[in-house]
Amino acid sequence: MPQHIALALFSSVDSGAYKIIKKFNLNEEKIISNLTRLLDKNSNEDFEHPENLNENLNATLSNINNFFKEKNVEEILNNAASKLSTCGYEILGTEQILQSILENNDYEVTKFLDKTGVNKDVFAQKLQGISSRSAEFENSEKQIIFTPNAFKAMLLAIDTARELGSVEIKPEHIILGMIKTKTGIAYHILKDLINDTESFEEKLTKEVTGKTPEMLSILRLAKEEAQNLNRTSIGTEMLLLGILGLGSGVGASALHKLGITLKDARYEVEKLVGCGSEHDNTPYEYTPRAKKALECAYEIAKSHSKTKISSENLLYAITRQKECLAMKVLEALGTDVLEIKYGIRKEIGED
């Protein structure tokens, strides 16, 4: 914005521009103070993302029953549940789930873990040295069937599968979910065996995704767009910018043919959410509507027997939430739900 440039000019004392400014004998201290105050005002430090307000979206993201629809996961959970009687437990924990994965040598993630020194024998040996399950109940309320941290890990597995553009929840997604919880017996053993879990998470993600999935690229671009505006909330408007930023997908192509450009969309997004002050280390979070859009895209891709979630699935999912910020941006740019849906169908060759 102009005030950023003006403040930069007053800060670059060795520049030719600053030397010209000095000739006008301006009150620099007052001007810099006013510019700073203007930036602070525009940054709106008390900003609350509109999609976080009054949202009661009953997303099935939190429905653990979805796991039992997945063939791989059902097999893992049944095998994990069979271990409960041998260890004298009644509630399924992360350690039984991970053991179940490690015992199946057909899983790609099992082979990958074995290369890093994590196998069923090493894990079992570590598990024998644990006499308490307190790590499975850290910072959570007790859940039925699963320990709280197993429940969280499984929900994060769903989230991870969607972020990586997969329409199937695989064993590797469960492993990544366990690592993301940063709690639980399985996580503590993995951390002890692997040491650097962040590096491991990155390597495992690269291993299982191979070529970067379209969905993962969109979400990374959405995060970058949020960074550019110094925002930590990723709403549907950032997902829209991610689709346009990707450029090569069906979703972007459909929008381009409707006259929607990344530059124009960015302008409308900034009008809606503004530009924040420099953000700290606050983690990025998806708004409820963004989560709902990701979930919907997953279901759309699955219903069409696709193996990956594509940009057109996400764009179509956005059109199902007429009150979301992404649709407000698109409407401000002169298009509507029907035009977008028609554009997507035309791109993929459907009537």
Protein backbone atom coordinates (compact mmCIF):
# COMPACT_ATOMS: atom_id res chain seq x y z
CA MET A 1 0.00 0.00 0.00
CA PRO A 2 1.16 3.62 -0.51
CA GLN A 3 1.84 4.11 3.21
CA HIS A 4 4.25 1.16 3.18
CA ILE A 5 6.20 2.75 0.31
CA ALA A 6 6.17 6.19 1.97
CA LEU A 7 7.50 4.77 5.23
CA ALA A 8 10.18 2.87 3.30
CA LEU A 9 11.31 6.09 1.58
CA PHE A 10 11.74 7.85 4.91
CA SER A 11 13.71 4.85 6.19
CA SER A 12 16.15 4.61 3.25
CA VAL A 13 18.36 7.58 4.20
CA ASP A 14 20.99 6.79 1.56
CA SER A 15 18.56 6.87 -1.36
CA GLY A 16 18.13 9.63 -3.91
CA ALA A 17 14.45 9.88 -3.02
CA TYR A 18 15.24 10.62 0.63
CA LYS A 19 17.70 13.37 -0.39
CA ILE A 20 14.94 15.05 -2.41
CA ILE A 21 12.49 14.72 0.52
CA LYS A 22 15.04 16.41 2.82
CA LYS A 23 14.96 19.57 0.66
CA PHE A 24 11.35 20.24 1.73
CA ASN A 25 12.29 20.59 5.41
CA LEU A 26 9.45 18.30 6.51
CA ASN A 27 8.82 17.23 10.09
CA GLU A 28 10.04 13.68 9.56
CA GLU A 29 9.33 12.54 13.09
CA LYS A 30 5.70 13.61 12.85
CA ILE A 31 5.24 12.12 9.37
CA ILE A 32 6.76 8.77 10.37
CA SER A 33 4.58 8.73 13.50
CA ASN A 34 1.44 9.45 11.42
CA LEU A 35 2.33 6.80 8.84
CA THR A 36 2.97 4.23 11.57
CA ARG A 37 -0.35 5.07 13.22
CA LEU A 38 -2.11 4.78 9.85
CA LEU A 39 -0.57 1.34 9.28
CA ASP A 40 -1.56 0.22 12.78
CA LYS A 41 -5.11 1.40 12.12
CA ASN A 42 -5.30 -0.46 8.82
CA SER A 43 -3.76 -3.57 10.31
CA ASN A 44 -6.82 -3.96 12.55
CA GLU A 45 -5.05 -5.95 15.26
CA ASP A 46 -8.38 -7.09 16.71
CA PHE A 47 -9.31 -8.59 13.35
CA GLU A 48 -11.54 -11.63 13.53
CA HIS A 49 -11.99 -13.51 10.30
CA PRO A 50 -15.63 -13.21 9.12
CA GLU A 51 -15.77 -16.96 8.49
CA ASN A 52 -14.96 -17.59 12.16
CA LEU A 53 -17.99 -15.64 13.35
CA ASN A 54 -21.28 -17.37 14.13
CA GLU A 55 -20.27 -20.50 12.29
CA ASN A 56 -22.11 -23.65 13.24
CA LEU A 57 -21.03 -25.86 10.38
CA ASN A 58 -21.53 -29.47 11.38
CA ALA A 59 -18.60 -30.80 9.38
CA THR A 60 -18.28 -34.58 9.21
CA LEU A 61 -14.55 -33.97 9.61
CA SER A 62 -15.14 -34.68 13.30
CA ASN A 63 -17.11 -37.87 12.62
CA ILE A 64 -14.91 -40.84 13.47
CA ASN A 65 -17.42 -43.17 11.77
CA ASN A 66 -15.93 -42.07 8.42
CA PHE A 67 -12.92 -44.24 9.21
CA PHE A 68 -14.92 -47.43 9.02
CA LYS A 69 -15.83 -46.66 5.41
CA GLU A 70 -12.17 -46.94 4.45
CA LYS A 71 -10.96 -50.47 3.61
CA ASN A 72 -7.32 -49.93 4.68
CA VAL A 73 -8.28 -48.21 7.91
CA GLU A 74 -10.89 -50.80 8.85
CA GLU A 75 -8.25 -53.52 8.46
CA ILE A 76 -5.78 -51.59 10.64
CA LEU A 77 -8.34 -50.85 13.36
CA ASN A 78 -9.63 -54.42 13.51
CA ASN A 79 -6.08 -55.71 13.88
CA ALA A 80 -5.33 -53.04 16.51
CA ALA A 81 -8.50 -53.88 18.45
CA SER A 82 -7.49 -57.56 18.58
CA LYS A 83 -4.41 -56.55 20.60
CA LEU A 84 -6.45 -55.07 23.44
CA SER A 85 -7.16 -58.39 25.15
CA THR A 86 -3.49 -59.41 25.12
CA CYS A 87 -2.38 -56.19 26.81
CA GLY A 88 -5.34 -56.00 29.21
CA TYR A 89 -6.73 -52.71 27.88
CA GLU A 90 -10.27 -51.88 26.81
CA ILE A 91 -9.65 -48.59 25.02
CA LEU A 92 -7.82 -48.44 21.70
CA GLY A 93 -4.66 -46.33 21.84
CA THR A 94 -2.14 -44.99 19.34
CA GLU A 95 0.31 -47.76 20.24
CA GLN A 96 -2.05 -50.55 19.10
CA ILE A 97 -2.82 -48.67 15.88
CA LEU A 98 0.87 -48.15 15.07
CA GLN A 99 1.68 -51.78 15.94
CA SER A 100 -1.02 -52.88 13.51
CA ILE A 101 0.56 -50.83 10.72
CA LEU A 102 4.10 -52.02 11.46
CA GLU A 103 3.02 -55.67 11.29
CA ASN A 104 1.82 -55.36 7.69
CA ASN A 105 4.83 -55.45 5.37
CA ASP A 106 2.66 -54.72 2.33
CA TYR A 107 2.16 -51.08 3.33
CA GLU A 108 4.51 -48.61 1.65
CA VAL A 109 4.77 -46.63 4.87
CA THR A 110 5.86 -49.78 6.77
CA LYS A 111 8.73 -50.27 4.31
CA PHE A 112 9.67 -46.58 4.65
CA LEU A 113 9.64 -46.77 8.45
CA ASP A 114 11.78 -49.91 8.40
CA LYS A 115 14.46 -48.01 6.42
CA THR A 116 14.54 -45.39 9.18
CA GLY A 117 15.03 -48.02 11.88
CA VAL A 118 11.40 -48.24 13.03
CA ASN A 119 9.95 -51.76 12.78
CA LYS A 120 7.55 -53.96 14.76
CA ASP A 121 10.31 -55.55 16.87
CA VAL A 122 11.99 -52.27 17.85
CA PHE A 123 8.61 -50.69 18.60
CA ALA A 124 7.49 -53.69 20.68
CA GLN A 125 10.73 -53.54 22.66
CA LYS A 126 10.19 -49.86 23.41
CA LEU A 127 6.55 -50.50 24.28
CA GLN A 128 7.52 -53.08 26.91
CA GLY A 129 9.39 -50.39 28.81
CA ILE A 130 6.21 -48.26 29.19
CA SER A 131 4.25 -49.04 32.32
CA SER A 132 1.70 -46.21 32.18
CA ARG A 133 -0.82 -45.08 29.58
CA SER A 134 -0.99 -41.53 30.96
CA ALA A 135 0.50 -40.17 27.70
CA GLU A 136 -2.65 -41.34 25.90
CA PHE A 137 -4.85 -39.07 28.01
CA GLU A 138 -2.80 -35.85 27.97
CA ASN A 139 -4.79 -32.63 27.67
CA SER A 140 -8.02 -34.30 26.56
CA GLU A 141 -11.31 -35.63 27.78
CA LYS A 142 -11.87 -39.37 27.72
CA GLN A 143 -13.46 -40.74 24.53
CA ILE A 144 -15.32 -43.97 23.88
CA ILE A 145 -13.38 -46.80 22.15
CA PHE A 146 -10.27 -44.68 21.41
CA THR A 147 -8.01 -42.98 23.88
CA PRO A 148 -8.27 -39.21 23.37
CA ASN A 149 -4.92 -38.99 21.60
CA ALA A 150 -5.75 -41.93 19.33
CA PHE A 151 -9.00 -40.14 18.49
CA LYS A 152 -7.11 -36.92 17.69
CA ALA A 153 -4.56 -38.79 15.60
CA MET A 154 -7.27 -40.43 13.53
CA LEU A 155 -9.06 -37.13 12.94
CA LEU A 156 -5.77 -35.56 11.88
CA ALA A 157 -5.30 -38.49 9.50
CA ILE A 158 -8.52 -37.47 7.72
CA ASP A 159 -7.31 -33.89 7.60
CA THR A 160 -3.90 -34.95 6.28
CA ALA A 161 -5.41 -37.14 3.55
CA ARG A 162 -7.45 -34.20 2.31
CA GLU A 163 -4.56 -31.77 2.45
CA LEU A 164 -2.45 -34.18 0.40
CA GLY A 165 -5.27 -34.48 -2.12
CA SER A 166 -6.01 -38.16 -1.44
CA VAL A 167 -9.54 -39.52 -1.57
CA GLU A 168 -8.45 -42.54 0.50
CA ILE A 169 -7.16 -42.58 4.06
CA LYS A 170 -3.95 -44.62 4.02
CA PRO A 171 -1.64 -45.95 6.77
CA GLU A 172 0.85 -43.14 6.05
CA HIS A 173 -1.84 -40.56 6.80
CA ILE A 174 -2.39 -42.19 10.20
CA ILE A 175 1.36 -42.07 10.93
CA LEU A 176 1.44 -38.38 9.97
CA GLY A 177 -1.64 -37.83 12.15
CA MET A 178 0.14 -39.39 15.14
CA ILE A 179 3.17 -37.16 14.60
CA LYS A 180 0.99 -34.05 14.32
CA THR A 181 -0.70 -34.74 17.67
CA LYS A 182 2.71 -34.53 19.41
CA THR A 183 1.21 -36.63 22.23
CA GLY A 184 0.50 -40.27 22.93
CA ILE A 185 2.57 -43.40 23.46
CA ALA A 186 3.15 -44.05 19.74
CA TYR A 187 4.36 -40.48 19.21
CA HIS A 188 6.75 -40.63 22.16
CA ILE A 189 8.27 -43.89 20.91
CA LEU A 190 8.55 -42.55 17.35
CA LYS A 191 10.18 -39.38 18.65
CA ASP A 192 12.69 -41.45 20.61
CA LEU A 193 13.51 -43.60 17.57
CA ILE A 194 13.50 -40.84 14.94
CA ASN A 195 14.71 -37.83 16.98
CA ASP A 196 13.78 -35.12 14.46
CA THR A 197 10.05 -35.68 13.90
CA GLU A 198 9.64 -32.49 11.83
CA SER A 199 12.27 -33.61 9.33
CA PHE A 200 10.76 -37.10 9.32
CA GLU A 201 7.28 -35.70 8.66
CA GLU A 202 8.62 -33.75 5.68
CA LYS A 203 10.48 -36.78 4.27
CA LEU A 204 7.49 -39.08 4.74
CA THR A 205 5.17 -36.57 3.06
CA LYS A 206 7.54 -36.32 0.10
CA GLU A 207 7.86 -40.12 -0.03
CA VAL A 208 4.11 -40.79 -0.13
CA THR A 209 3.15 -37.92 -2.42
CA GLY A 210 5.94 -38.23 -5.01
CA LYS A 211 5.02 -35.53 -7.50
CA THR A 212 3.46 -32.65 -5.57
CA PRO A 213 -0.35 -33.14 -5.63
CA GLU A 214 -2.47 -30.33 -7.02
CA MET A 215 -4.31 -29.95 -3.74
CA LEU A 216 -1.12 -29.62 -1.69
CA SER A 217 0.13 -26.93 -4.09
CA ILE A 218 -3.14 -25.01 -3.73
CA LEU A 219 -2.97 -25.11 0.07
CA ARG A 220 0.65 -23.98 0.10
CA LEU A 221 -0.23 -21.08 -2.20
CA ALA A 222 -3.21 -20.22 0.03
CA LYS A 223 -0.87 -20.07 3.01
CA GLU A 224 1.51 -17.80 1.08
CA GLU A 225 -1.40 -15.47 0.23
CA ALA A 226 -2.30 -15.31 3.93
CA GLN A 227 1.36 -14.55 4.73
CA ASN A 228 1.37 -11.72 2.19
CA LEU A 229 -1.51 -10.08 4.07
CA ASN A 230 0.00 -10.96 7.45
CA ARG A 231 -3.03 -13.08 8.36
CA THR A 232 -2.99 -16.41 10.14
CA SER A 233 -6.56 -17.47 9.24
CA ILE A 234 -6.90 -19.34 5.97
CA GLY A 235 -10.47 -18.88 4.78
CA THR A 236 -12.19 -19.82 1.53
CA GLU A 237 -10.92 -16.56 0.01
CA MET A 238 -7.32 -17.78 0.45
CA LEU A 239 -8.27 -21.16 -1.05
CA LEU A 240 -9.66 -19.28 -4.06
CA LEU A 241 -6.38 -17.37 -4.43
CA GLY A 242 -4.55 -20.71 -4.19
CA ILE A 243 -6.64 -22.12 -7.07
CA LEU A 244 -5.92 -19.04 -9.21
CA GLY A 245 -2.26 -19.00 -8.17
CA LEU A 246 -1.83 -22.60 -9.33
CA GLY A 247 -2.84 -21.42 -12.79
CA SER A 248 -2.62 -24.81 -14.50
CA GLY A 249 -5.62 -26.57 -12.96
CA VAL A 250 -9.15 -26.95 -14.33
CA GLY A 251 -10.45 -24.66 -11.57
CA ALA A 252 -8.11 -21.82 -12.55
CA SER A 253 -8.85 -22.33 -16.25
CA ALA A 254 -12.61 -22.12 -15.66
CA LEU A 255 -12.16 -18.90 -13.65
CA HIS A 256 -9.83 -17.33 -16.22
CA LYS A 257 -12.41 -17.90 -18.97
CA LEU A 258 -14.90 -16.03 -16.78
CA GLY A 259 -12.47 -13.09 -16.68
CA ILE A 260 -11.31 -13.72 -13.11
CA THR A 261 -7.61 -12.95 -12.60
CA LEU A 262 -5.37 -13.49 -9.59
CA LYS A 263 -4.56 -9.78 -9.43
CA ASP A 264 -8.24 -8.73 -9.31
CA ALA A 265 -9.10 -11.46 -6.80
CA ARG A 266 -6.24 -10.37 -4.51
CA TYR A 267 -7.57 -6.80 -4.59
CA GLU A 268 -11.07 -7.95 -3.55
CA VAL A 269 -9.68 -10.24 -0.84
CA GLU A 270 -7.67 -7.41 0.70
CA LYS A 271 -10.80 -5.24 0.73
CA LEU A 272 -12.58 -7.95 2.74
CA VAL A 273 -9.90 -9.01 5.24
CA GLY A 274 -7.45 -6.08 5.15
CA CYS A 275 -3.72 -6.22 5.71
CA GLY A 276 -2.57 -7.17 9.20
CA SER A 277 0.46 -6.14 11.17
CA GLU A 278 3.46 -8.44 11.09
CA HIS A 279 2.28 -11.74 12.51
CA ASP A 280 4.14 -13.64 15.18
CA ASN A 281 4.55 -17.39 15.42
CA THR A 282 0.80 -17.99 15.66
CA PRO A 283 0.01 -21.21 13.74
CA TYR A 284 -2.10 -20.99 10.60
CA GLU A 285 -5.65 -22.25 11.00
CA TYR A 286 -8.41 -22.99 8.51
CA THR A 287 -11.73 -21.28 9.13
CA PRO A 288 -14.78 -23.52 9.63
CA ARG A 289 -15.95 -22.70 6.10
CA ALA A 290 -12.54 -23.53 4.64
CA LYS A 291 -12.59 -26.88 6.47
CA LYS A 292 -16.09 -27.51 5.16
CA ALA A 293 -14.92 -26.72 1.61
CA LEU A 294 -12.01 -29.17 1.92
CA GLU A 295 -14.32 -31.84 3.28
CA CYS A 296 -16.85 -31.22 0.50
CA ALA A 297 -14.10 -31.39 -2.17
CA TYR A 298 -13.03 -34.75 -0.71
CA GLU A 299 -16.58 -36.11 -0.92
CA ILE A 300 -17.07 -34.79 -4.49
CA ALA A 301 -13.86 -36.43 -5.72
CA LYS A 302 -14.75 -39.68 -3.94
CA SER A 303 -18.28 -39.74 -5.40
CA HIS A 304 -16.78 -39.45 -8.91
CA SER A 305 -14.36 -42.36 -8.20
CA LYS A 306 -11.33 -40.08 -8.51
CA THR A 307 -8.01 -41.00 -6.91
CA LYS A 308 -7.02 -37.40 -6.17
CA ILE A 309 -8.80 -34.20 -5.16
CA SER A 310 -8.46 -31.63 -7.95
CA SER A 311 -8.83 -27.86 -8.16
CA GLU A 312 -12.25 -28.15 -9.82
CA ASN A 313 -13.50 -30.26 -6.88
CA LEU A 314 -12.44 -27.53 -4.45
CA LEU A 315 -13.89 -24.73 -6.59
CA TYR A 316 -17.17 -26.62 -6.92
CA ALA A 317 -17.18 -27.14 -3.14
CA ILE A 318 -16.75 -23.38 -2.64
CA THR A 319 -19.86 -22.68 -4.73
CA ARG A 320 -21.90 -24.78 -2.29
CA GLN A 321 -21.28 -22.18 0.43
CA LYS A 322 -22.93 -19.09 -0.97
CA GLU A 323 -22.14 -16.98 2.11
CA CYS A 324 -18.40 -17.71 2.17
CA LEU A 325 -15.84 -14.97 1.45
CA ALA A 326 -14.63 -16.68 -1.72
CA MET A 327 -18.11 -16.35 -3.24
CA LYS A 328 -18.29 -12.72 -2.16
CA VAL A 329 -15.01 -12.14 -4.01
CA LEU A 330 -16.28 -13.91 -7.13
CA GLU A 331 -19.58 -12.05 -7.06
CA ALA A 332 -17.73 -8.74 -6.71
CA LEU A 333 -15.79 -9.70 -9.85
CA GLY A 334 -19.01 -10.23 -11.79
CA THR A 335 -19.69 -13.95 -11.72
CA ASP A 336 -22.07 -16.24 -9.86
CA VAL A 337 -22.56 -19.85 -8.81
CA LEU A 338 -24.28 -20.97 -12.02
CA GLU A 339 -21.58 -19.50 -14.26
CA ILE A 340 -18.82 -21.12 -12.23
CA LYS A 341 -20.48 -24.53 -12.19
CA TYR A 342 -21.14 -24.31 -15.93
CA GLY A 343 -17.53 -23.23 -16.51
CA ILE A 344 -16.18 -26.23 -14.57
CA ARG A 345 -18.41 -28.69 -16.41
CA LYS A 346 -17.44 -27.19 -19.76
CA GLU A 347 -13.74 -27.53 -18.90
CA ILE A 348 -14.02 -31.22 -17.99
CA GLY A 349 -16.34 -31.98 -20.91
CA GLU A 350 -19.53 -32.73 -18.96
CA ASP A 351 -23.07 -31.67 -19.95
